[in-house]
């Protein structure tokens, strides 16, 4: 299983209604944590009913917990946008 598929698989317990995952590693070439082949720097946009009533910090913690040891290696950086479904109404 490739890393993007593993990330998506680990986020399934959050019951995402929408999930956009982008490997931005190449734009960080030469920066700390970059490795040839990518998979080090990611951008995640996720919508989940599990985020309802949770603070931004709590939502990020939920994502980090779901990803577990992937956050130590190979993921070096993860930019997260985490919203509850009611926060996406009218946003496209």
C-alpha atoms as a PDB file:
ATOM      1  CA  UNK A   1       0.000   0.000   0.000  1.00  0.00           C
ATOM      2  CA  UNK A   2       1.447   3.400  -0.924  1.00  0.00           C
ATOM      3  CA  UNK A   3       1.677   6.148   1.684  1.00  0.00           C
ATOM      4  CA  UNK A   4      -1.301   8.176   0.429  1.00  0.00           C
ATOM      5  CA  UNK A   5      -3.487   5.059   0.615  1.00  0.00           C
ATOM      6  CA  UNK A   6      -2.175   4.286   4.107  1.00  0.00           C
ATOM      7  CA  UNK A   7      -2.976   7.829   5.278  1.00  0.00           C
ATOM      8  CA  UNK A   8      -6.507   7.584   3.847  1.00  0.00           C
ATOM      9  CA  UNK A   9      -6.956   4.168   5.456  1.00  0.00           C
ATOM     10  CA  UNK A  10      -5.888   5.431   8.874  1.00  0.00           C
ATOM     11  CA  UNK A  11      -8.252   8.407   8.641  1.00  0.00           C
ATOM     12  CA  UNK A  12     -11.290   6.168   7.977  1.00  0.00           C
ATOM     13  CA  UNK A  13     -12.229   5.941  11.704  1.00  0.00           C
ATOM     14  CA  UNK A  14     -12.905   9.707  11.543  1.00  0.00           C
ATOM     15  CA  UNK A  15     -15.710   8.906   9.075  1.00  0.00           C
ATOM     16  CA  UNK A  16     -14.706  11.557   6.519  1.00  0.00           C
ATOM     17  CA  UNK A  17     -17.432  12.872   4.244  1.00  0.00           C
ATOM     18  CA  UNK A  18     -14.774  14.652   2.187  1.00  0.00           C
ATOM     19  CA  UNK A  19     -11.036  14.076   2.130  1.00  0.00           C
ATOM     20  CA  UNK A  20      -8.461  15.805  -0.058  1.00  0.00           C
ATOM     21  CA  UNK A  21      -4.856  14.741   0.367  1.00  0.00           C
ATOM     22  CA  UNK A  22      -2.001  16.365  -1.535  1.00  0.00           C
ATOM     23  CA  UNK A  23       1.681  15.431  -1.456  1.00  0.00           C
ATOM     24  CA  UNK A  24       3.490  18.780  -1.522  1.00  0.00           C
ATOM     25  CA  UNK A  25       6.930  17.311  -0.856  1.00  0.00           C
ATOM     26  CA  UNK A  26       8.475  18.395  -4.146  1.00  0.00           C
ATOM     27  CA  UNK A  27       7.835  22.067  -3.365  1.00  0.00           C
ATOM     28  CA  UNK A  28       9.914  21.576  -0.196  1.00  0.00           C
ATOM     29  CA  UNK A  29      13.014  20.212  -1.936  1.00  0.00           C
ATOM     30  CA  UNK A  30      16.066  21.377   0.010  1.00  0.00           C
ATOM     31  CA  UNK A  31      14.083  22.017   3.208  1.00  0.00           C
ATOM     32  CA  UNK A  32      14.354  20.085   6.443  1.00  0.00           C
ATOM     33  CA  UNK A  33      12.707  16.701   6.332  1.00  0.00           C
ATOM     34  CA  UNK A  34      12.604  16.435   2.530  1.00  0.00           C
ATOM     35  CA  UNK A  35      13.502  13.056   1.032  1.00  0.00           C
ATOM     36  CA  UNK A  36      13.720  12.070  -2.607  1.00  0.00           C
ATOM     37  CA  UNK A  37      10.586  10.258  -3.654  1.00  0.00           C
ATOM     38  CA  UNK A  38       8.197  12.486  -1.700  1.00  0.00           C
ATOM     39  CA  UNK A  39       5.822  11.541   1.065  1.00  0.00           C
ATOM     40  CA  UNK A  40       7.257  13.957   3.611  1.00  0.00           C
ATOM     41  CA  UNK A  41       5.115  17.104   3.272  1.00  0.00           C
ATOM     42  CA  UNK A  42       1.325  16.816   2.970  1.00  0.00           C
ATOM     43  CA  UNK A  43      -1.782  19.001   2.850  1.00  0.00           C
ATOM     44  CA  UNK A  44      -5.024  17.523   4.192  1.00  0.00           C
ATOM     45  CA  UNK A  45      -8.556  18.910   3.931  1.00  0.00           C
ATOM     46  CA  UNK A  46     -11.057  16.743   5.769  1.00  0.00           C
ATOM     47  CA  UNK A  47     -14.740  17.105   6.641  1.00  0.00           C
ATOM     48  CA  UNK A  48     -16.063  14.835   9.369  1.00  0.00           C
ATOM     49  CA  UNK A  49     -19.106  14.784  11.644  1.00  0.00           C
ATOM     50  CA  UNK A  50     -16.696  13.736  14.398  1.00  0.00           C
ATOM     51  CA  UNK A  51     -15.314  17.308  14.380  1.00  0.00           C
ATOM     52  CA  UNK A  52     -18.641  18.887  15.376  1.00  0.00           C
ATOM     53  CA  UNK A  53     -18.247  20.847  18.603  1.00  0.00           C
ATOM     54  CA  UNK A  54     -14.475  20.271  18.692  1.00  0.00           C
ATOM     55  CA  UNK A  55     -11.848  23.015  18.770  1.00  0.00           C
ATOM     56  CA  UNK A  56      -9.275  23.302  15.992  1.00  0.00           C
ATOM     57  CA  UNK A  57      -6.634  21.891  18.348  1.00  0.00           C
ATOM     58  CA  UNK A  58      -8.857  18.927  19.268  1.00  0.00           C
ATOM     59  CA  UNK A  59      -9.510  18.218  15.584  1.00  0.00           C
ATOM     60  CA  UNK A  60      -5.807  18.249  14.784  1.00  0.00           C
ATOM     61  CA  UNK A  61      -5.149  15.920  17.714  1.00  0.00           C
ATOM     62  CA  UNK A  62      -7.774  13.529  16.348  1.00  0.00           C
ATOM     63  CA  UNK A  63      -6.007  13.500  12.975  1.00  0.00           C
ATOM     64  CA  UNK A  64      -2.573  13.019  14.582  1.00  0.00           C
ATOM     65  CA  UNK A  65      -3.902  10.185  16.728  1.00  0.00           C
ATOM     66  CA  UNK A  66      -5.438   8.475  13.698  1.00  0.00           C
ATOM     67  CA  UNK A  67      -2.158   8.719  11.782  1.00  0.00           C
ATOM     68  CA  UNK A  68      -0.137   7.429  14.739  1.00  0.00           C
ATOM     69  CA  UNK A  69       3.488   6.589  14.011  1.00  0.00           C
ATOM     70  CA  UNK A  70       3.265   7.928  10.433  1.00  0.00           C
ATOM     71  CA  UNK A  71       3.656  11.383  12.002  1.00  0.00           C
ATOM     72  CA  UNK A  72       7.109  10.406  13.266  1.00  0.00           C
ATOM     73  CA  UNK A  73       8.236   8.837  10.023  1.00  0.00           C
ATOM     74  CA  UNK A  74       7.762   9.260   7.058  1.00  0.00           C
ATOM     75  CA  UNK A  75       5.558  12.363   7.461  1.00  0.00           C
ATOM     76  CA  UNK A  76       7.612  15.444   8.298  1.00  0.00           C
ATOM     77  CA  UNK A  77       4.910  18.107   7.884  1.00  0.00           C
ATOM     78  CA  UNK A  78       1.127  18.052   7.629  1.00  0.00           C
ATOM     79  CA  UNK A  79      -1.016  21.129   6.947  1.00  0.00           C
ATOM     80  CA  UNK A  80      -4.553  20.382   8.141  1.00  0.00           C
ATOM     81  CA  UNK A  81      -7.907  21.967   7.397  1.00  0.00           C
ATOM     82  CA  UNK A  82     -10.474  20.059   9.457  1.00  0.00           C
ATOM     83  CA  UNK A  83     -14.146  21.037   9.350  1.00  0.00           C
ATOM     84  CA  UNK A  84     -17.462  19.696  10.544  1.00  0.00           C
ATOM     85  CA  UNK A  85     -20.134  19.274   7.825  1.00  0.00           C
ATOM     86  CA  UNK A  86     -22.129  22.317   8.952  1.00  0.00           C
ATOM     87  CA  UNK A  87     -19.022  24.489   8.450  1.00  0.00           C
ATOM     88  CA  UNK A  88     -18.825  23.651   4.749  1.00  0.00           C
ATOM     89  CA  UNK A  89     -22.294  24.784   3.728  1.00  0.00           C
ATOM     90  CA  UNK A  90     -21.975  27.348   0.953  1.00  0.00           C
ATOM     91  CA  UNK A  91     -18.188  26.876   0.654  1.00  0.00           C
ATOM     92  CA  UNK A  92     -16.897  25.497  -2.613  1.00  0.00           C
END
